[in-house]
Amino acid sequence: GRDFAREMEINWSIGSGIGVYVDVFERNWHVASETLLAHPKLPIYRGWDIGPTHAQPACVFAQLDSGQLRVLDEVVTWDGRDAPVARAVDLFAEDVIEFGNQCYPGVEFIDYADPAGWTKSMTDNRSCVDILRAKRIYPRRGPVTFQLRRRAMDDRLQRQVRGLPAMVISPTCTMVVEGLSGSYQYERIGETERHRGTVDKNAHSHVMNGLEYIVGGLYVPERSSEREPGRIQKRSRPDPVSGY
């Protein structure tokens, strides 16, 4: 299906490598037919991909409504079409704050961020999270390992809630949709057809990581051996400081 879309439908937003979620993502099922609107009385989760080496930060907005995770919006600094554009974290945070105030006034925001965002800078001993906190944004840590985030994403994409997808994406989130369709992919080993178990750090990886921090922050693997292997449960009482 991915190859057909690229070659016959001339859809070059579909990645040519091995996409991380192409086996569990169905565009006609997971992407809403119309722009998703936020529930005004429910909190909105923001997933931040930030860090000391992240020159192109990204942020994803999502809301949990009656068990369905609804991916509402994305704010990115690089769409992959043109040359990469760098954006400092403090300026990007202002972009996200302004966007949130315009699109979701009065809504409570709950933030999850890249664990690398807690790394202190060698120059001023401040971290990216310190910069966010100075702007009254207090994120929780998203899962550190890619394996945990991927398992949580796989589970959400394969589940149903009342006959509907457990995760649905607004068509306005073009980078997320492209990433799920295959542009978020495993890293190729040189010019070979072999791939590593890590993802390629391309334009789509930033926004996809932001989504993974939300999903991974809300859902964690079951630890009890008596329960179904690979089952995911909702994180009920995260620590207010660390998010764990």
Protein backbone atom coordinates (compact mmCIF):
# COMPACT_ATOMS: atom_id res chain seq x y z
CA GLY A 1 0.00 0.00 0.00
CA ARG A 2 2.82 2.43 0.80
CA ASP A 3 4.63 1.71 -2.48
CA PHE A 4 1.39 2.03 -4.47
CA ALA A 5 0.65 5.42 -2.90
CA ARG A 6 4.11 6.68 -3.80
CA GLU A 7 4.38 5.32 -7.32
CA MET A 8 0.81 5.32 -8.65
CA GLU A 9 -0.82 8.11 -6.67
CA ILE A 10 2.37 10.25 -6.75
CA ASN A 11 2.14 10.83 -2.99
CA TRP A 12 5.70 11.69 -1.99
CA SER A 13 4.73 12.42 1.61
CA ILE A 14 4.87 8.63 2.06
CA GLY A 15 8.31 7.55 3.27
CA SER A 16 10.36 5.19 1.07
CA GLY A 17 12.08 3.53 4.03
CA ILE A 18 10.65 1.32 6.75
CA GLY A 19 8.01 3.37 8.54
CA VAL A 20 7.69 2.86 12.29
CA TYR A 21 3.89 2.73 12.43
CA VAL A 22 2.83 1.84 8.89
CA ASP A 23 1.67 -1.64 9.95
CA VAL A 24 -0.80 -0.28 12.52
CA PHE A 25 -1.83 3.04 10.99
CA GLU A 26 -4.74 3.30 8.54
CA ARG A 27 -5.29 6.76 7.09
CA ASN A 28 -8.99 6.19 6.36
CA TRP A 29 -9.54 4.94 9.92
CA HIS A 30 -7.29 7.09 12.08
CA VAL A 31 -7.59 10.45 10.30
CA ALA A 32 -10.84 12.35 10.85
CA SER A 33 -12.81 13.53 7.83
CA GLU A 34 -13.11 17.02 9.31
CA THR A 35 -11.03 19.25 11.57
CA LEU A 36 -11.27 18.08 15.17
CA LEU A 37 -12.56 20.60 17.69
CA ALA A 38 -11.49 20.69 21.33
CA HIS A 39 -13.84 20.13 24.23
CA PRO A 40 -13.73 23.47 26.12
CA LYS A 41 -13.93 21.86 29.58
CA LEU A 42 -11.31 19.15 29.15
CA PRO A 43 -7.53 19.65 29.50
CA ILE A 44 -5.30 19.60 26.45
CA TYR A 45 -2.05 17.67 26.50
CA ARG A 46 1.00 19.18 24.83
CA GLY A 47 3.95 17.03 23.79
CA TRP A 48 7.23 18.92 23.44
CA ASP A 49 10.22 17.65 21.51
CA ILE A 50 12.97 19.84 22.92
CA GLY A 51 16.53 19.36 24.05
CA PRO A 52 20.00 20.90 24.03
CA THR A 53 20.72 19.56 20.54
CA HIS A 54 17.21 20.09 19.09
CA ALA A 55 17.43 22.97 16.64
CA GLN A 56 13.95 22.28 15.24
CA PRO A 57 11.61 21.83 18.23
CA ALA A 58 8.02 20.71 17.78
CA CYS A 59 4.86 20.53 19.87
CA VAL A 60 1.69 18.45 19.52
CA PHE A 61 -1.72 19.23 21.03
CA ALA A 62 -4.05 16.37 21.99
CA GLN A 63 -7.11 15.79 24.16
CA LEU A 64 -8.47 12.72 25.87
CA ASP A 65 -12.25 12.64 25.46
CA SER A 66 -14.29 9.64 26.69
CA GLY A 67 -11.30 7.32 26.25
CA GLN A 68 -10.45 8.50 22.74
CA LEU A 69 -7.17 10.39 22.24
CA ARG A 70 -7.84 13.18 19.75
CA VAL A 71 -4.76 14.75 18.16
CA LEU A 72 -5.86 18.33 17.52
CA ASP A 73 -2.92 20.39 16.34
CA GLU A 74 0.82 20.62 15.75
CA VAL A 75 3.35 23.44 15.88
CA VAL A 76 6.56 22.72 13.97
CA THR A 77 9.63 24.68 12.94
CA TRP A 78 10.61 22.52 9.95
CA ASP A 79 8.24 20.78 7.55
CA GLY A 80 10.93 18.96 5.58
CA ARG A 81 10.09 20.68 2.29
CA ASP A 82 12.68 23.42 2.56
CA ALA A 83 16.03 23.78 4.30
CA PRO A 84 15.93 23.23 8.08
CA VAL A 85 15.04 26.31 10.09
CA ALA A 86 16.45 26.60 13.61
CA ARG A 87 14.35 28.04 16.44
CA ALA A 88 15.54 28.71 19.97
CA VAL A 89 13.49 27.06 22.71
CA ASP A 90 12.47 30.33 24.36
CA LEU A 91 11.18 31.75 21.08
CA PHE A 92 9.47 28.47 20.19
CA ALA A 93 7.77 28.39 23.60
CA GLU A 94 6.38 31.86 22.90
CA ASP A 95 5.08 30.60 19.55
CA VAL A 96 3.30 27.71 21.28
CA ILE A 97 1.88 29.94 24.02
CA GLU A 98 0.51 32.40 21.46
CA PHE A 99 -0.95 29.57 19.38
CA GLY A 100 -2.61 28.04 22.45
CA ASN A 101 -4.05 31.36 23.59
CA GLN A 102 -5.53 32.02 20.16
CA CYS A 103 -6.91 28.55 19.44
CA TYR A 104 -7.70 27.23 22.93
CA PRO A 105 -8.36 30.20 25.24
CA GLY A 106 -9.07 29.33 28.86
CA VAL A 107 -8.17 25.64 28.47
CA GLU A 108 -5.92 23.89 30.99
CA PHE A 109 -2.70 22.55 29.47
CA ILE A 110 -0.84 19.49 30.73
CA ASP A 111 2.65 19.17 29.28
CA TYR A 112 4.95 16.24 28.55
CA ALA A 113 8.46 16.81 27.26
CA ASP A 114 11.53 15.08 25.91
CA PRO A 115 13.63 13.76 28.84
CA ALA A 116 16.63 15.39 27.12
CA GLY A 117 15.01 18.71 27.96
CA TRP A 118 16.23 18.33 31.56
CA THR A 119 19.89 18.25 30.47
CA LYS A 120 21.76 21.34 31.67
CA SER A 121 23.57 23.52 29.16
CA MET A 122 27.36 23.74 29.47
CA THR A 123 27.24 27.50 28.89
CA ASP A 124 24.65 28.85 31.35
CA ASN A 125 23.76 25.71 33.37
CA ARG A 126 20.13 26.02 32.32
CA SER A 127 18.06 23.30 30.69
CA CYS A 128 15.31 23.64 28.10
CA VAL A 129 12.83 22.75 30.83
CA ASP A 130 14.21 25.61 32.94
CA ILE A 131 13.39 27.90 30.02
CA LEU A 132 9.84 26.54 29.83
CA ARG A 133 9.37 26.89 33.59
CA ALA A 134 10.38 30.55 33.34
CA LYS A 135 7.36 30.91 31.04
CA ARG A 136 5.09 29.07 33.53
CA ILE A 137 5.12 25.81 31.61
CA TYR A 138 5.86 22.85 33.90
CA PRO A 139 6.28 19.68 31.83
CA ARG A 140 6.39 16.09 33.00
CA ARG A 141 8.96 13.72 31.57
CA GLY A 142 7.89 11.59 28.64
CA PRO A 143 9.17 7.99 28.52
CA VAL A 144 12.92 7.81 27.98
CA THR A 145 13.11 4.76 25.74
CA PHE A 146 11.81 4.58 22.20
CA GLN A 147 10.64 1.01 22.82
CA LEU A 148 8.18 2.09 25.52
CA ARG A 149 6.84 4.94 23.41
CA ARG A 150 6.43 2.69 20.38
CA ARG A 151 4.56 0.02 22.35
CA ALA A 152 2.18 2.62 23.76
CA MET A 153 1.59 4.06 20.27
CA ASP A 154 1.08 0.61 18.74
CA ASP A 155 -1.50 -0.18 21.39
CA ARG A 156 -3.47 3.04 20.92
CA LEU A 157 -3.49 2.71 17.13
CA GLN A 158 -4.81 -0.86 17.31
CA ARG A 159 -7.48 -0.28 19.96
CA GLN A 160 -11.09 0.78 19.54
CA VAL A 161 -13.34 2.81 21.83
CA ARG A 162 -17.07 2.25 21.32
CA GLY A 163 -16.39 1.10 17.77
CA LEU A 164 -14.18 4.12 17.01
CA PRO A 165 -10.37 4.36 16.83
CA ALA A 166 -8.76 4.89 20.23
CA MET A 167 -6.57 7.53 18.56
CA VAL A 168 -7.88 9.89 15.90
CA ILE A 169 -5.91 12.64 14.16
CA SER A 170 -7.22 15.91 12.79
CA PRO A 171 -6.48 16.31 9.05
CA THR A 172 -4.85 19.65 9.91
CA CYS A 173 -1.97 17.74 11.53
CA THR A 174 -0.24 17.12 8.22
CA MET A 175 3.19 16.31 9.68
CA VAL A 176 1.75 13.77 12.12
CA VAL A 177 -0.28 12.12 9.36
CA GLU A 178 2.75 11.97 7.06
CA GLY A 179 4.89 10.62 9.88
CA LEU A 180 2.42 7.84 10.68
CA SER A 181 2.09 7.08 6.97
CA GLY A 182 5.78 6.22 6.73
CA SER A 183 7.87 9.39 6.78
CA TYR A 184 8.78 8.65 10.39
CA GLN A 185 11.03 5.70 9.74
CA TYR A 186 13.89 3.56 10.96
CA GLU A 187 17.43 4.68 10.27
CA ARG A 188 19.00 3.09 7.23
CA ILE A 189 22.50 1.60 7.52
CA GLY A 190 24.51 3.45 4.89
CA GLU A 191 23.30 2.71 1.36
CA THR A 192 22.16 -0.80 2.23
CA GLU A 193 18.60 -2.08 2.62
CA ARG A 194 19.23 -2.84 6.28
CA HIS A 195 17.92 -0.63 9.06
CA ARG A 196 18.83 0.04 12.67
CA GLY A 197 16.45 -0.23 15.60
CA THR A 198 16.60 3.56 16.00
CA VAL A 199 14.62 6.14 14.08
CA ASP A 200 15.94 8.53 11.46
CA LYS A 201 16.19 12.09 12.80
CA ASN A 202 14.36 13.80 9.96
CA ALA A 203 11.75 16.56 9.87
CA HIS A 204 8.94 14.20 10.89
CA SER A 205 10.79 12.72 13.86
CA HIS A 206 10.39 15.90 15.93
CA VAL A 207 6.61 16.13 15.74
CA MET A 208 6.24 12.36 16.08
CA ASN A 209 8.38 12.36 19.21
CA GLY A 210 6.09 15.05 20.62
CA LEU A 211 3.08 12.80 20.06
CA GLU A 212 4.93 9.83 21.54
CA TYR A 213 5.65 11.75 24.74
CA ILE A 214 1.93 12.37 25.21
CA VAL A 215 0.90 8.78 24.48
CA GLY A 216 3.78 7.33 26.46
CA GLY A 217 3.07 9.70 29.33
CA LEU A 218 -0.58 8.68 29.52
CA TYR A 219 -0.10 4.95 29.00
CA VAL A 220 2.59 2.63 30.32
CA PRO A 221 3.18 -1.13 29.91
CA GLU A 222 1.60 -3.41 32.48
CA ARG A 223 4.20 -4.72 34.94
CA SER A 224 2.23 -7.64 36.37
CA SER A 225 3.13 -10.98 34.78
CA GLU A 226 -0.39 -12.17 35.53
CA ARG A 227 -1.85 -9.70 33.07
CA GLU A 228 -1.97 -9.85 29.35
CA PRO A 229 1.52 -9.37 27.83
CA GLY A 230 1.91 -6.07 26.00
CA ARG A 231 -1.28 -4.68 27.55
CA ILE A 232 -1.27 -0.91 28.17
CA GLN A 233 -2.85 0.85 31.11
CA LYS A 234 -3.59 4.49 31.81
CA ARG A 235 -1.16 6.24 34.12
CA SER A 236 -3.44 7.23 36.97
CA ARG A 237 -1.40 9.36 39.39
CA PRO A 238 1.80 10.74 37.86
CA ASP A 239 4.29 12.38 40.16
CA PRO A 240 3.70 16.17 39.91
CA VAL A 241 7.42 16.87 39.48
CA SER A 242 8.88 14.09 37.38
CA GLY A 243 5.75 12.85 35.65
CA TYR A 244 6.42 9.24 36.64
